[in-house]
Amino acid sequence: MNEKNKLLTIGQFAALHGINKKTLMWYDEIGLFKPAVIHPANGYRYYNYYQKKYQLGRLHDASYGTMISTDKLYDGNFSDYDNLFIEIPVL
């Protein structure tokens, strides 16, 4: 099989990029980065070479962060975020 046509499991793809599988699942959930294939019977996500080379690199260069209201900060609540932002560089 041609290496570029090989599908990678979510674990393999995450390991190649040094990120967590749950991060990829979250990217899929919010529509930021979708797998190449989702197996219809079991829901497993698969990625391919072209995604590895051309799409995910932009996410590595992204800036991201969270926002917490001042009321929550004054109350000592540092884990209940109000907003999340991601800025992805344009090619």
C-alpha atoms as a PDB file:
ATOM      1  CA  MET A   1       0.000   0.000   0.000  1.00  0.00           C
ATOM      2  CA  ASN A   2       1.217   3.466  -0.818  1.00  0.00           C
ATOM      3  CA  GLU A   3       2.326   5.172   2.419  1.00  0.00           C
ATOM      4  CA  LYS A   4       0.383   8.324   1.507  1.00  0.00           C
ATOM      5  CA  ASN A   5      -2.867   6.335   1.250  1.00  0.00           C
ATOM      6  CA  LYS A   6      -2.460   4.682   4.654  1.00  0.00           C
ATOM      7  CA  LEU A   7      -4.976   5.621   7.331  1.00  0.00           C
ATOM      8  CA  LEU A   8      -3.717   6.356  10.827  1.00  0.00           C
ATOM      9  CA  THR A   9      -5.663   5.762  14.013  1.00  0.00           C
ATOM     10  CA  ILE A  10      -6.375   8.745  16.215  1.00  0.00           C
ATOM     11  CA  GLY A  11      -3.675   7.519  18.634  1.00  0.00           C
ATOM     12  CA  GLN A  12      -1.061   7.196  15.898  1.00  0.00           C
ATOM     13  CA  PHE A  13      -1.912  10.613  14.464  1.00  0.00           C
ATOM     14  CA  ALA A  14      -1.854  12.265  17.894  1.00  0.00           C
ATOM     15  CA  ALA A  15       1.524  10.688  18.716  1.00  0.00           C
ATOM     16  CA  LEU A  16       3.019  11.902  15.425  1.00  0.00           C
ATOM     17  CA  HIS A  17       2.104  15.468  16.361  1.00  0.00           C
ATOM     18  CA  GLY A  18       2.794  15.292  20.081  1.00  0.00           C
ATOM     19  CA  ILE A  19      -0.787  16.079  21.060  1.00  0.00           C
ATOM     20  CA  ASN A  20      -3.443  14.302  23.076  1.00  0.00           C
ATOM     21  CA  LYS A  21      -6.132  12.133  21.438  1.00  0.00           C
ATOM     22  CA  LYS A  22      -8.773  14.087  23.338  1.00  0.00           C
ATOM     23  CA  THR A  23      -7.516  17.269  21.689  1.00  0.00           C
ATOM     24  CA  LEU A  24      -8.176  15.737  18.266  1.00  0.00           C
ATOM     25  CA  MET A  25     -11.616  14.608  19.422  1.00  0.00           C
ATOM     26  CA  TRP A  26     -12.356  18.137  20.604  1.00  0.00           C
ATOM     27  CA  TYR A  27     -11.111  19.633  17.316  1.00  0.00           C
ATOM     28  CA  ASP A  28     -13.517  17.289  15.518  1.00  0.00           C
ATOM     29  CA  GLU A  29     -16.387  18.187  17.864  1.00  0.00           C
ATOM     30  CA  ILE A  30     -16.035  21.929  17.240  1.00  0.00           C
ATOM     31  CA  GLY A  31     -15.389  21.488  13.507  1.00  0.00           C
ATOM     32  CA  LEU A  32     -11.839  22.786  13.600  1.00  0.00           C
ATOM     33  CA  PHE A  33     -10.112  19.657  12.288  1.00  0.00           C
ATOM     34  CA  LYS A  34     -12.073  16.649  11.062  1.00  0.00           C
ATOM     35  CA  PRO A  35     -10.763  13.114  10.549  1.00  0.00           C
ATOM     36  CA  ALA A  36     -10.444  11.838   6.986  1.00  0.00           C
ATOM     37  CA  VAL A  37     -12.719   8.885   7.770  1.00  0.00           C
ATOM     38  CA  ILE A  38     -15.051   7.912  10.584  1.00  0.00           C
ATOM     39  CA  HIS A  39     -15.846   4.199  10.653  1.00  0.00           C
ATOM     40  CA  PRO A  40     -19.643   3.903  10.403  1.00  0.00           C
ATOM     41  CA  ALA A  41     -19.951   0.834  12.651  1.00  0.00           C
ATOM     42  CA  ASN A  42     -17.747   1.840  15.585  1.00  0.00           C
ATOM     43  CA  GLY A  43     -17.204   5.597  15.213  1.00  0.00           C
ATOM     44  CA  TYR A  44     -13.396   5.289  15.200  1.00  0.00           C
ATOM     45  CA  ARG A  45     -11.618   8.267  13.669  1.00  0.00           C
ATOM     46  CA  TYR A  46      -8.888   7.821  11.058  1.00  0.00           C
ATOM     47  CA  TYR A  47      -6.510  10.402   9.609  1.00  0.00           C
ATOM     48  CA  ASN A  48      -4.289  10.335   6.534  1.00  0.00           C
ATOM     49  CA  TYR A  49      -0.944  11.585   5.274  1.00  0.00           C
ATOM     50  CA  TYR A  50      -2.351  14.637   3.535  1.00  0.00           C
ATOM     51  CA  GLN A  51      -3.905  15.900   6.761  1.00  0.00           C
ATOM     52  CA  LYS A  52      -0.611  15.249   8.558  1.00  0.00           C
ATOM     53  CA  LYS A  53       1.364  17.268   6.078  1.00  0.00           C
ATOM     54  CA  TYR A  54      -0.926  20.107   5.061  1.00  0.00           C
ATOM     55  CA  GLN A  55      -3.612  20.801   7.652  1.00  0.00           C
ATOM     56  CA  LEU A  56      -2.479  20.167  11.213  1.00  0.00           C
ATOM     57  CA  GLY A  57       0.662  22.275  10.886  1.00  0.00           C
ATOM     58  CA  ARG A  58      -1.470  25.411  10.968  1.00  0.00           C
ATOM     59  CA  LEU A  59      -2.942  24.319  14.310  1.00  0.00           C
ATOM     60  CA  HIS A  60       0.555  23.988  15.820  1.00  0.00           C
ATOM     61  CA  ASP A  61       1.121  27.672  15.031  1.00  0.00           C
ATOM     62  CA  ALA A  62      -2.234  28.754  16.462  1.00  0.00           C
ATOM     63  CA  SER A  63      -2.594  31.048  19.440  1.00  0.00           C
ATOM     64  CA  TYR A  64      -5.211  30.103  21.986  1.00  0.00           C
ATOM     65  CA  GLY A  65      -6.383  30.946  25.451  1.00  0.00           C
ATOM     66  CA  THR A  66      -9.303  31.233  27.804  1.00  0.00           C
ATOM     67  CA  MET A  67     -11.182  34.023  29.505  1.00  0.00           C
ATOM     68  CA  ILE A  68     -12.553  34.011  33.044  1.00  0.00           C
ATOM     69  CA  SER A  69     -14.793  36.737  34.432  1.00  0.00           C
ATOM     70  CA  THR A  70     -13.385  38.917  37.200  1.00  0.00           C
ATOM     71  CA  ASP A  71     -16.196  37.797  39.532  1.00  0.00           C
ATOM     72  CA  LYS A  72     -15.030  34.188  39.240  1.00  0.00           C
ATOM     73  CA  LEU A  73     -11.426  35.233  39.796  1.00  0.00           C
ATOM     74  CA  TYR A  74     -12.365  37.135  42.958  1.00  0.00           C
ATOM     75  CA  ASP A  75     -14.269  34.049  44.155  1.00  0.00           C
ATOM     76  CA  GLY A  76     -11.188  31.872  43.571  1.00  0.00           C
ATOM     77  CA  ASN A  77     -12.876  29.937  40.758  1.00  0.00           C
ATOM     78  CA  PHE A  78     -10.016  29.464  38.282  1.00  0.00           C
ATOM     79  CA  SER A  79     -11.348  26.470  36.330  1.00  0.00           C
ATOM     80  CA  ASP A  80     -14.794  27.608  35.139  1.00  0.00           C
ATOM     81  CA  TYR A  81     -13.962  29.365  31.866  1.00  0.00           C
ATOM     82  CA  ASP A  82     -16.359  31.807  30.228  1.00  0.00           C
ATOM     83  CA  ASN A  83     -14.822  31.782  26.745  1.00  0.00           C
ATOM     84  CA  LEU A  84     -12.181  30.077  24.666  1.00  0.00           C
ATOM     85  CA  PHE A  85     -10.420  31.660  21.718  1.00  0.00           C
ATOM     86  CA  ILE A  86      -8.269  30.204  18.974  1.00  0.00           C
ATOM     87  CA  GLU A  87      -6.483  32.263  16.332  1.00  0.00           C
ATOM     88  CA  ILE A  88      -5.308  30.149  13.398  1.00  0.00           C
ATOM     89  CA  PRO A  89      -2.751  31.713  11.038  1.00  0.00           C
ATOM     90  CA  VAL A  90      -3.887  32.218   7.456  1.00  0.00           C
ATOM     91  CA  LEU A  91      -1.765  30.551   4.787  1.00  0.00           C
END
